[in-house]
Protein backbone atom coordinates (compact mmCIF):
# COMPACT_ATOMS: atom_id res chain seq x y z
CA UNK A 1 0.07 -0.19 -0.21
CA UNK A 2 2.81 2.52 0.51
CA UNK A 3 4.20 1.69 -2.53
CA UNK A 4 0.87 2.74 -4.31
CA UNK A 5 0.63 5.71 -2.20
CA UNK A 6 4.21 6.73 -3.10
CA UNK A 7 3.80 6.24 -6.87
CA UNK A 8 0.11 8.19 -6.34
CA UNK A 9 2.27 11.27 -4.82
CA UNK A 10 4.46 11.10 -7.77
CA UNK A 11 1.98 11.35 -10.53
CA UNK A 12 -0.10 14.14 -8.34
CA UNK A 13 2.97 16.31 -7.99
CA UNK A 14 4.01 15.84 -11.58
CA UNK A 15 0.52 17.15 -12.37
CA UNK A 16 0.52 20.08 -10.15
CA UNK A 17 3.62 21.09 -11.82
CA UNK A 18 2.28 21.74 -15.04
CA UNK A 19 4.17 23.48 -17.60
CA UNK A 20 7.02 23.75 -14.91
CA UNK A 21 7.65 19.85 -15.04
CA UNK A 22 11.20 18.69 -16.54
CA UNK A 23 13.74 16.37 -16.55
CA UNK A 24 17.20 17.74 -15.78
CA UNK A 25 18.05 21.49 -15.38
CA UNK A 26 18.40 24.29 -18.16
CA UNK A 27 20.00 27.21 -16.60
CA UNK A 28 18.58 29.29 -19.50
CA UNK A 29 14.86 28.53 -18.55
CA UNK A 30 12.94 30.14 -16.05
CA UNK A 31 10.08 27.78 -14.70
CA UNK A 32 7.76 28.95 -12.14
CA UNK A 33 8.29 28.45 -8.31
CA UNK A 34 5.87 25.70 -7.26
CA UNK A 35 4.63 26.43 -3.90
CA UNK A 36 0.81 25.25 -3.93
CA UNK A 37 -0.80 21.90 -3.79
CA UNK A 38 1.75 19.16 -2.57
CA UNK A 39 4.34 21.74 -2.77
CA UNK A 40 2.78 23.68 -0.09
CA UNK A 41 3.54 20.66 2.44
CA UNK A 42 7.07 19.69 0.82
CA UNK A 43 9.47 21.24 -1.40
CA UNK A 44 9.98 18.07 -3.10
CA UNK A 45 6.97 16.09 -3.26
CA UNK A 46 8.01 13.95 -6.26
CA UNK A 47 10.87 12.67 -4.45
CA UNK A 48 8.99 12.25 -1.21
CA UNK A 49 7.07 9.90 -3.25
CA UNK A 50 9.71 7.90 -4.87
CA UNK A 51 10.90 7.45 -0.92
CA UNK A 52 7.65 6.17 0.15
CA UNK A 53 7.46 3.89 -3.01
CA UNK A 54 10.99 2.59 -2.25
CA UNK A 55 10.12 2.25 1.40
CA UNK A 56 6.80 0.12 0.34
CA UNK A 57 9.31 -2.11 -1.75
CA UNK A 58 11.14 -2.84 1.44
CA UNK A 59 8.27 -3.91 3.43
CA UNK A 60 6.86 -5.99 0.64
CA UNK A 61 10.24 -7.63 0.33
CA UNK A 62 12.48 -7.27 3.35
CA UNK A 63 16.14 -7.98 2.63
CA UNK A 64 19.82 -6.24 2.89
CA UNK A 65 19.27 -5.62 -0.86
CA UNK A 66 15.90 -3.76 0.01
CA UNK A 67 17.47 -1.76 2.71
CA UNK A 68 20.28 -1.06 0.82
CA UNK A 69 18.04 0.41 -2.11
CA UNK A 70 16.33 2.46 0.30
CA UNK A 71 19.71 4.14 1.70
CA UNK A 72 20.87 4.66 -1.80
CA UNK A 73 17.83 6.12 -3.25
CA UNK A 74 17.53 8.26 -0.26
CA UNK A 75 21.22 9.31 -0.38
CA UNK A 76 20.82 9.86 -4.37
CA UNK A 77 17.93 12.10 -4.01
CA UNK A 78 19.79 14.19 -1.29
CA UNK A 79 22.71 14.71 -3.40
CA UNK A 80 20.35 15.62 -6.41
CA UNK A 81 18.23 18.29 -4.23
CA UNK A 82 21.33 19.97 -2.30
CA UNK A 83 24.01 19.96 -5.13
CA UNK A 84 21.68 20.61 -7.97
CA UNK A 85 18.03 21.37 -7.50
CA UNK A 86 18.29 23.72 -4.52
CA UNK A 87 21.34 25.82 -5.80
CA UNK A 88 19.13 26.40 -9.14
CA UNK A 89 16.13 27.20 -7.61
CA UNK A 90 18.14 29.86 -5.29
CA UNK A 91 19.97 31.52 -8.02
CA UNK A 92 16.66 31.35 -10.38
CA UNK A 93 14.02 32.57 -7.70
CA UNK A 94 16.32 34.38 -5.49
CA UNK A 95 14.55 35.70 -2.12
CA UNK A 96 11.35 33.88 -3.03
CA UNK A 97 12.80 30.49 -2.81
CA UNK A 98 14.84 31.31 0.23
CA UNK A 99 11.81 32.09 2.01
CA UNK A 100 9.83 29.21 0.74
CA UNK A 101 12.73 26.87 1.75
CA UNK A 102 12.73 28.21 5.49
CA UNK A 103 8.87 27.56 5.58
CA UNK A 104 8.57 24.07 4.10
CA UNK A 105 10.23 20.71 4.78
CA UNK A 106 12.43 19.16 1.91
CA UNK A 107 11.06 15.64 1.94
CA UNK A 108 8.91 15.53 5.12
CA UNK A 109 6.79 18.18 6.49
CA UNK A 110 8.68 20.50 8.96
CA UNK A 111 12.03 18.52 8.30
CA UNK A 112 14.75 19.96 6.44
CA UNK A 113 13.88 23.48 6.36
CA UNK A 114 16.77 26.06 5.39
CA UNK A 115 17.70 28.33 8.17
């Protein structure tokens, strides 16, 4: 069930991004800063959904490999967000992103707010 919930969060989040949805970053492209819908709850709901789905896999197939998969997915998403996504959004949206990041958690509501 957790895996299905995670997949649903991913799909809804992608839909809510509308024209801002993209794969990869193009520094020349300027998209709208998403702060409504699931983005009002966490800054990265797509990645939160991926983490939920991966945790659901761990619960369905508990094994050392499943644990390693959850850890690897989490670390990979942390690196993507901290090293690529957040610096890009800070450059692109300036103070608006800073305010948003101080108010909304990274993957979990209230957790990972920027100081």
